[in-house]
């Protein structure tokens, strides 16, 4: 079975706010589970008891005074806990790990759009994480106007940063996908089923490569 090639592989879905990556990750997890692939699905930031506490701090709207460097450090701290507690052991056990966001998000949001610098983010990742890049990262791309329209009436602190900020985030994701190995971009403007089909095709292409 071709999906067995995903055993011990780390796959991330990432993208701008409102791109639908979380829903697509859930659909992909359900599909691969139906193919009898042993997997876990996690989210970043969060995924662990400690990580969820950090997530709350990061996304609270009233934490408006938080600096971009603090953001980057907190995201990386949650990520380190997630990898050490769940992702690393799962990969070592031969499971496939599906993750909602990873270092690519901090690169785009804090490093580029937030102007902390890509070097800072990558240095933090190298120093604080056992692993910087997944085996496969799928960027769900969507015009930011469409993405923010999906967010709803109660945006969190990051979602509230404005269109200009989110446009820089989108550009950073696309730029990163163009230079970093293991990245693929999927058009997120179609229906849920159409996007999911595109995601599955990217994963199938990866296992067949």
C-alpha atoms as a PDB file:
ATOM      1  CA  UNK A   1       0.000   0.000   0.000  1.00  0.00           C
ATOM      2  CA  UNK A   2       1.461   3.359  -1.044  1.00  0.00           C
ATOM      3  CA  UNK A   3       0.305   5.123   2.121  1.00  0.00           C
ATOM      4  CA  UNK A   4       2.570   2.904   4.210  1.00  0.00           C
ATOM      5  CA  UNK A   5       5.404   5.079   2.921  1.00  0.00           C
ATOM      6  CA  UNK A   6       4.107   7.778   5.289  1.00  0.00           C
ATOM      7  CA  UNK A   7       5.078   5.727   8.333  1.00  0.00           C
ATOM      8  CA  UNK A   8       7.518   7.758  10.418  1.00  0.00           C
ATOM      9  CA  UNK A   9       6.929  10.873   8.288  1.00  0.00           C
ATOM     10  CA  UNK A  10       6.156  14.371   9.521  1.00  0.00           C
ATOM     11  CA  UNK A  11       3.599  16.269   7.403  1.00  0.00           C
ATOM     12  CA  UNK A  12       2.494  19.862   8.033  1.00  0.00           C
ATOM     13  CA  UNK A  13      -0.350  21.942   6.625  1.00  0.00           C
ATOM     14  CA  UNK A  14       0.185  25.692   6.907  1.00  0.00           C
ATOM     15  CA  UNK A  15      -1.080  28.933   5.431  1.00  0.00           C
ATOM     16  CA  UNK A  16      -2.733  32.269   6.038  1.00  0.00           C
ATOM     17  CA  UNK A  17      -5.566  32.698   8.508  1.00  0.00           C
ATOM     18  CA  UNK A  18      -8.848  31.464   7.051  1.00  0.00           C
ATOM     19  CA  UNK A  19      -7.140  29.282   4.449  1.00  0.00           C
ATOM     20  CA  UNK A  20      -8.949  26.186   5.712  1.00  0.00           C
ATOM     21  CA  UNK A  21      -5.790  24.299   6.666  1.00  0.00           C
ATOM     22  CA  UNK A  22      -7.251  22.968   9.938  1.00  0.00           C
ATOM     23  CA  UNK A  23     -10.299  21.526   8.183  1.00  0.00           C
ATOM     24  CA  UNK A  24      -8.109  20.103   5.431  1.00  0.00           C
ATOM     25  CA  UNK A  25      -5.825  18.490   8.021  1.00  0.00           C
ATOM     26  CA  UNK A  26      -8.820  16.835   9.672  1.00  0.00           C
ATOM     27  CA  UNK A  27     -10.064  15.522   6.325  1.00  0.00           C
ATOM     28  CA  UNK A  28      -6.611  14.234   5.413  1.00  0.00           C
ATOM     29  CA  UNK A  29      -6.290  12.509   8.782  1.00  0.00           C
ATOM     30  CA  UNK A  30      -9.662  10.814   8.309  1.00  0.00           C
ATOM     31  CA  UNK A  31      -8.743   9.668   4.813  1.00  0.00           C
ATOM     32  CA  UNK A  32      -5.362   8.256   5.834  1.00  0.00           C
ATOM     33  CA  UNK A  33      -6.891   6.542   8.861  1.00  0.00           C
ATOM     34  CA  UNK A  34      -9.339   4.851   6.491  1.00  0.00           C
ATOM     35  CA  UNK A  35      -6.288   3.570   4.607  1.00  0.00           C
ATOM     36  CA  UNK A  36      -5.198   1.951   7.907  1.00  0.00           C
ATOM     37  CA  UNK A  37      -2.239   4.290   8.378  1.00  0.00           C
ATOM     38  CA  UNK A  38      -1.247   4.678  12.028  1.00  0.00           C
ATOM     39  CA  UNK A  39      -1.074   8.430  12.663  1.00  0.00           C
ATOM     40  CA  UNK A  40      -1.516  11.250  15.126  1.00  0.00           C
ATOM     41  CA  UNK A  41      -2.827  14.733  14.365  1.00  0.00           C
ATOM     42  CA  UNK A  42      -1.679  17.748  16.405  1.00  0.00           C
ATOM     43  CA  UNK A  43      -1.796  21.527  16.301  1.00  0.00           C
ATOM     44  CA  UNK A  44       0.875  24.181  16.775  1.00  0.00           C
ATOM     45  CA  UNK A  45       0.827  26.151  18.991  1.00  0.00           C
ATOM     46  CA  UNK A  46      -0.845  23.808  21.444  1.00  0.00           C
ATOM     47  CA  UNK A  47      -1.295  20.073  21.304  1.00  0.00           C
ATOM     48  CA  UNK A  48      -0.072  19.509  24.851  1.00  0.00           C
ATOM     49  CA  UNK A  49      -1.253  20.780  28.220  1.00  0.00           C
ATOM     50  CA  UNK A  50       1.664  23.209  28.415  1.00  0.00           C
ATOM     51  CA  UNK A  51       1.351  24.174  24.767  1.00  0.00           C
ATOM     52  CA  UNK A  52      -2.338  24.983  25.108  1.00  0.00           C
ATOM     53  CA  UNK A  53      -1.559  27.366  27.974  1.00  0.00           C
ATOM     54  CA  UNK A  54       1.030  29.097  25.789  1.00  0.00           C
ATOM     55  CA  UNK A  55      -1.511  29.240  22.942  1.00  0.00           C
ATOM     56  CA  UNK A  56      -3.969  31.090  25.145  1.00  0.00           C
ATOM     57  CA  UNK A  57      -1.334  33.685  26.037  1.00  0.00           C
ATOM     58  CA  UNK A  58      -0.376  34.165  22.395  1.00  0.00           C
ATOM     59  CA  UNK A  59      -3.882  34.563  21.005  1.00  0.00           C
ATOM     60  CA  UNK A  60      -5.578  36.632  23.707  1.00  0.00           C
ATOM     61  CA  UNK A  61      -6.660  39.931  22.185  1.00  0.00           C
ATOM     62  CA  UNK A  62      -5.862  41.841  25.379  1.00  0.00           C
ATOM     63  CA  UNK A  63      -2.179  40.879  25.118  1.00  0.00           C
ATOM     64  CA  UNK A  64      -1.689  43.664  22.585  1.00  0.00           C
ATOM     65  CA  UNK A  65       1.598  44.833  24.126  1.00  0.00           C
ATOM     66  CA  UNK A  66       3.374  41.558  23.353  1.00  0.00           C
ATOM     67  CA  UNK A  67       6.496  42.140  21.280  1.00  0.00           C
ATOM     68  CA  UNK A  68       7.206  40.171  18.132  1.00  0.00           C
ATOM     69  CA  UNK A  69      10.309  38.626  19.726  1.00  0.00           C
ATOM     70  CA  UNK A  70       8.200  37.416  22.648  1.00  0.00           C
ATOM     71  CA  UNK A  71       5.760  35.927  20.148  1.00  0.00           C
ATOM     72  CA  UNK A  72       8.562  34.080  18.379  1.00  0.00           C
ATOM     73  CA  UNK A  73       9.967  32.721  21.643  1.00  0.00           C
ATOM     74  CA  UNK A  74       6.568  31.568  22.898  1.00  0.00           C
ATOM     75  CA  UNK A  75       5.684  29.866  19.614  1.00  0.00           C
ATOM     76  CA  UNK A  76       9.001  28.073  19.660  1.00  0.00           C
ATOM     77  CA  UNK A  77       8.535  27.035  23.312  1.00  0.00           C
ATOM     78  CA  UNK A  78       5.139  25.497  22.570  1.00  0.00           C
ATOM     79  CA  UNK A  79       6.650  23.774  19.552  1.00  0.00           C
ATOM     80  CA  UNK A  80       9.552  22.341  21.553  1.00  0.00           C
ATOM     81  CA  UNK A  81       7.117  20.863  24.067  1.00  0.00           C
ATOM     82  CA  UNK A  82       4.942  19.444  21.306  1.00  0.00           C
ATOM     83  CA  UNK A  83       7.853  17.784  19.551  1.00  0.00           C
ATOM     84  CA  UNK A  84       9.377  16.368  22.716  1.00  0.00           C
ATOM     85  CA  UNK A  85       6.108  15.118  24.183  1.00  0.00           C
ATOM     86  CA  UNK A  86       4.202  13.891  21.125  1.00  0.00           C
ATOM     87  CA  UNK A  87       5.768  14.323  17.692  1.00  0.00           C
ATOM     88  CA  UNK A  88       9.206  12.841  18.338  1.00  0.00           C
ATOM     89  CA  UNK A  89       7.944   9.721  20.142  1.00  0.00           C
ATOM     90  CA  UNK A  90       5.306   9.151  17.453  1.00  0.00           C
ATOM     91  CA  UNK A  91       7.859   9.367  14.637  1.00  0.00           C
ATOM     92  CA  UNK A  92      10.207   7.056  16.516  1.00  0.00           C
ATOM     93  CA  UNK A  93       7.335   4.563  16.831  1.00  0.00           C
ATOM     94  CA  UNK A  94       6.776   4.636  13.067  1.00  0.00           C
ATOM     95  CA  UNK A  95       3.584   6.696  13.135  1.00  0.00           C
ATOM     96  CA  UNK A  96       2.785   9.407  10.634  1.00  0.00           C
ATOM     97  CA  UNK A  97       2.417  12.827  12.242  1.00  0.00           C
ATOM     98  CA  UNK A  98       0.064  15.439  10.759  1.00  0.00           C
ATOM     99  CA  UNK A  99       0.514  18.922  12.212  1.00  0.00           C
ATOM    100  CA  UNK A 100      -1.452  22.157  11.847  1.00  0.00           C
ATOM    101  CA  UNK A 101       1.320  24.811  11.443  1.00  0.00           C
ATOM    102  CA  UNK A 102       5.032  24.603  12.271  1.00  0.00           C
ATOM    103  CA  UNK A 103       8.201  26.724  11.939  1.00  0.00           C
ATOM    104  CA  UNK A 104       6.962  28.001   8.577  1.00  0.00           C
ATOM    105  CA  UNK A 105       4.284  29.986  10.439  1.00  0.00           C
ATOM    106  CA  UNK A 106       6.756  31.720  12.735  1.00  0.00           C
ATOM    107  CA  UNK A 107       8.958  32.432   9.715  1.00  0.00           C
ATOM    108  CA  UNK A 108       6.019  34.097   7.930  1.00  0.00           C
ATOM    109  CA  UNK A 109       4.210  35.827  10.802  1.00  0.00           C
ATOM    110  CA  UNK A 110       7.002  36.912  13.127  1.00  0.00           C
ATOM    111  CA  UNK A 111      10.101  36.657  10.942  1.00  0.00           C
ATOM    112  CA  UNK A 112       8.843  38.390   7.813  1.00  0.00           C
ATOM    113  CA  UNK A 113       5.508  40.125   8.415  1.00  0.00           C
ATOM    114  CA  UNK A 114       6.476  41.018  11.988  1.00  0.00           C
ATOM    115  CA  UNK A 115       9.976  42.051  10.846  1.00  0.00           C
ATOM    116  CA  UNK A 116      11.832  40.121  13.549  1.00  0.00           C
ATOM    117  CA  UNK A 117      13.911  38.663  10.744  1.00  0.00           C
ATOM    118  CA  UNK A 118      14.106  35.227   9.189  1.00  0.00           C
ATOM    119  CA  UNK A 119      17.526  34.672  10.749  1.00  0.00           C
ATOM    120  CA  UNK A 120      16.166  35.136  14.266  1.00  0.00           C
ATOM    121  CA  UNK A 121      13.393  32.615  13.674  1.00  0.00           C
ATOM    122  CA  UNK A 122      15.667  30.024  12.103  1.00  0.00           C
ATOM    123  CA  UNK A 123      18.299  30.490  14.814  1.00  0.00           C
ATOM    124  CA  UNK A 124      15.622  29.970  17.488  1.00  0.00           C
ATOM    125  CA  UNK A 125      14.378  26.861  15.702  1.00  0.00           C
ATOM    126  CA  UNK A 126      17.857  25.409  15.386  1.00  0.00           C
ATOM    127  CA  UNK A 127      18.663  26.118  19.038  1.00  0.00           C
ATOM    128  CA  UNK A 128      15.341  25.108  20.556  1.00  0.00           C
ATOM    129  CA  UNK A 129      13.951  22.307  18.407  1.00  0.00           C
ATOM    130  CA  UNK A 130      15.081  18.804  17.677  1.00  0.00           C
ATOM    131  CA  UNK A 131      13.890  19.313  14.109  1.00  0.00           C
ATOM    132  CA  UNK A 132      13.278  22.467  12.087  1.00  0.00           C
ATOM    133  CA  UNK A 133      11.576  21.230   8.910  1.00  0.00           C
ATOM    134  CA  UNK A 134       9.020  18.443   8.352  1.00  0.00           C
ATOM    135  CA  UNK A 135       9.303  15.881   5.571  1.00  0.00           C
ATOM    136  CA  UNK A 136       6.490  17.610   3.698  1.00  0.00           C
ATOM    137  CA  UNK A 137       4.877  21.024   4.184  1.00  0.00           C
ATOM    138  CA  UNK A 138       1.721  21.889   2.244  1.00  0.00           C
ATOM    139  CA  UNK A 139       0.894  25.597   2.078  1.00  0.00           C
ATOM    140  CA  UNK A 140      -2.810  26.260   1.529  1.00  0.00           C
ATOM    141  CA  UNK A 141      -2.729  29.536  -0.381  1.00  0.00           C
ATOM    142  CA  UNK A 142      -5.639  31.965  -0.468  1.00  0.00           C
ATOM    143  CA  UNK A 143      -6.010  35.708  -1.116  1.00  0.00           C
ATOM    144  CA  UNK A 144      -6.004  37.367   2.283  1.00  0.00           C
ATOM    145  CA  UNK A 145      -9.351  39.131   1.703  1.00  0.00           C
ATOM    146  CA  UNK A 146     -11.024  35.756   1.260  1.00  0.00           C
ATOM    147  CA  UNK A 147      -9.192  34.249   4.217  1.00  0.00           C
ATOM    148  CA  UNK A 148     -10.014  37.048   6.653  1.00  0.00           C
ATOM    149  CA  UNK A 149     -13.656  36.965   5.549  1.00  0.00           C
ATOM    150  CA  UNK A 150     -13.791  33.363   6.781  1.00  0.00           C
ATOM    151  CA  UNK A 151     -12.351  34.207  10.199  1.00  0.00           C
ATOM    152  CA  UNK A 152     -15.633  35.496  11.598  1.00  0.00           C
ATOM    153  CA  UNK A 153     -16.637  38.206  14.037  1.00  0.00           C
ATOM    154  CA  UNK A 154     -14.323  37.264  16.922  1.00  0.00           C
ATOM    155  CA  UNK A 155     -10.783  37.235  15.524  1.00  0.00           C
ATOM    156  CA  UNK A 156      -7.926  36.339  17.868  1.00  0.00           C
ATOM    157  CA  UNK A 157      -4.895  38.572  18.439  1.00  0.00           C
ATOM    158  CA  UNK A 158      -2.995  37.345  15.386  1.00  0.00           C
ATOM    159  CA  UNK A 159      -6.033  37.396  13.107  1.00  0.00           C
ATOM    160  CA  UNK A 160      -6.660  41.019  14.125  1.00  0.00           C
ATOM    161  CA  UNK A 161      -3.386  42.403  12.760  1.00  0.00           C
ATOM    162  CA  UNK A 162      -4.850  43.874   9.577  1.00  0.00           C
ATOM    163  CA  UNK A 163      -4.791  43.235   5.839  1.00  0.00           C
ATOM    164  CA  UNK A 164      -1.337  44.690   5.157  1.00  0.00           C
ATOM    165  CA  UNK A 165       0.219  42.420   7.783  1.00  0.00           C
ATOM    166  CA  UNK A 166      -1.585  39.354   6.451  1.00  0.00           C
ATOM    167  CA  UNK A 167      -0.572  40.172   2.882  1.00  0.00           C
ATOM    168  CA  UNK A 168       3.066  40.100   4.004  1.00  0.00           C
ATOM    169  CA  UNK A 169       2.366  36.759   5.700  1.00  0.00           C
ATOM    170  CA  UNK A 170       0.992  35.331   2.469  1.00  0.00           C
ATOM    171  CA  UNK A 171       3.970  36.552   0.462  1.00  0.00           C
ATOM    172  CA  UNK A 172       6.370  35.101   3.035  1.00  0.00           C
ATOM    173  CA  UNK A 173       4.744  31.658   2.820  1.00  0.00           C
ATOM    174  CA  UNK A 174       4.992  31.678  -0.969  1.00  0.00           C
ATOM    175  CA  UNK A 175       8.586  32.914  -0.920  1.00  0.00           C
ATOM    176  CA  UNK A 176       9.566  30.210   1.576  1.00  0.00           C
ATOM    177  CA  UNK A 177       7.886  27.511  -0.502  1.00  0.00           C
ATOM    178  CA  UNK A 178       9.949  28.659  -3.454  1.00  0.00           C
ATOM    179  CA  UNK A 179      13.318  28.197  -1.772  1.00  0.00           C
ATOM    180  CA  UNK A 180      12.899  25.563   0.955  1.00  0.00           C
ATOM    181  CA  UNK A 181      12.872  21.898   0.013  1.00  0.00           C
ATOM    182  CA  UNK A 182       9.875  19.760   0.924  1.00  0.00           C
ATOM    183  CA  UNK A 183       7.278  22.508   0.354  1.00  0.00           C
ATOM    184  CA  UNK A 184       4.267  22.387  -1.943  1.00  0.00           C
ATOM    185  CA  UNK A 185       1.559  25.004  -2.538  1.00  0.00           C
ATOM    186  CA  UNK A 186      -2.137  24.175  -2.989  1.00  0.00           C
ATOM    187  CA  UNK A 187      -4.781  26.651  -4.186  1.00  0.00           C
ATOM    188  CA  UNK A 188      -7.225  27.056  -1.292  1.00  0.00           C
ATOM    189  CA  UNK A 189      -9.869  29.002  -3.220  1.00  0.00           C
ATOM    190  CA  UNK A 190     -11.871  25.994  -4.382  1.00  0.00           C
ATOM    191  CA  UNK A 191     -14.524  24.026  -2.531  1.00  0.00           C
ATOM    192  CA  UNK A 192     -13.547  22.003   0.530  1.00  0.00           C
ATOM    193  CA  UNK A 193     -13.658  18.811  -1.543  1.00  0.00           C
ATOM    194  CA  UNK A 194     -11.605  20.319  -4.367  1.00  0.00           C
ATOM    195  CA  UNK A 195      -8.911  21.537  -1.999  1.00  0.00           C
ATOM    196  CA  UNK A 196      -8.844  18.193  -0.214  1.00  0.00           C
ATOM    197  CA  UNK A 197      -8.383  16.396  -3.502  1.00  0.00           C
ATOM    198  CA  UNK A 198      -5.455  18.678  -4.312  1.00  0.00           C
ATOM    199  CA  UNK A 199      -3.930  18.034  -0.882  1.00  0.00           C
ATOM    200  CA  UNK A 200      -4.228  14.265  -1.330  1.00  0.00           C
ATOM    201  CA  UNK A 201      -2.618  14.503  -4.761  1.00  0.00           C
ATOM    202  CA  UNK A 202       0.353  16.357  -3.256  1.00  0.00           C
ATOM    203  CA  UNK A 203       0.729  13.699  -0.550  1.00  0.00           C
ATOM    204  CA  UNK A 204       0.402  10.886  -3.105  1.00  0.00           C
ATOM    205  CA  UNK A 205       3.010  12.547  -5.306  1.00  0.00           C
ATOM    206  CA  UNK A 206       5.316  12.777  -2.295  1.00  0.00           C
ATOM    207  CA  UNK A 207       5.016   9.072  -1.403  1.00  0.00           C
ATOM    208  CA  UNK A 208       5.530   8.076  -5.030  1.00  0.00           C
ATOM    209  CA  UNK A 209       8.604  10.275  -5.514  1.00  0.00           C
END
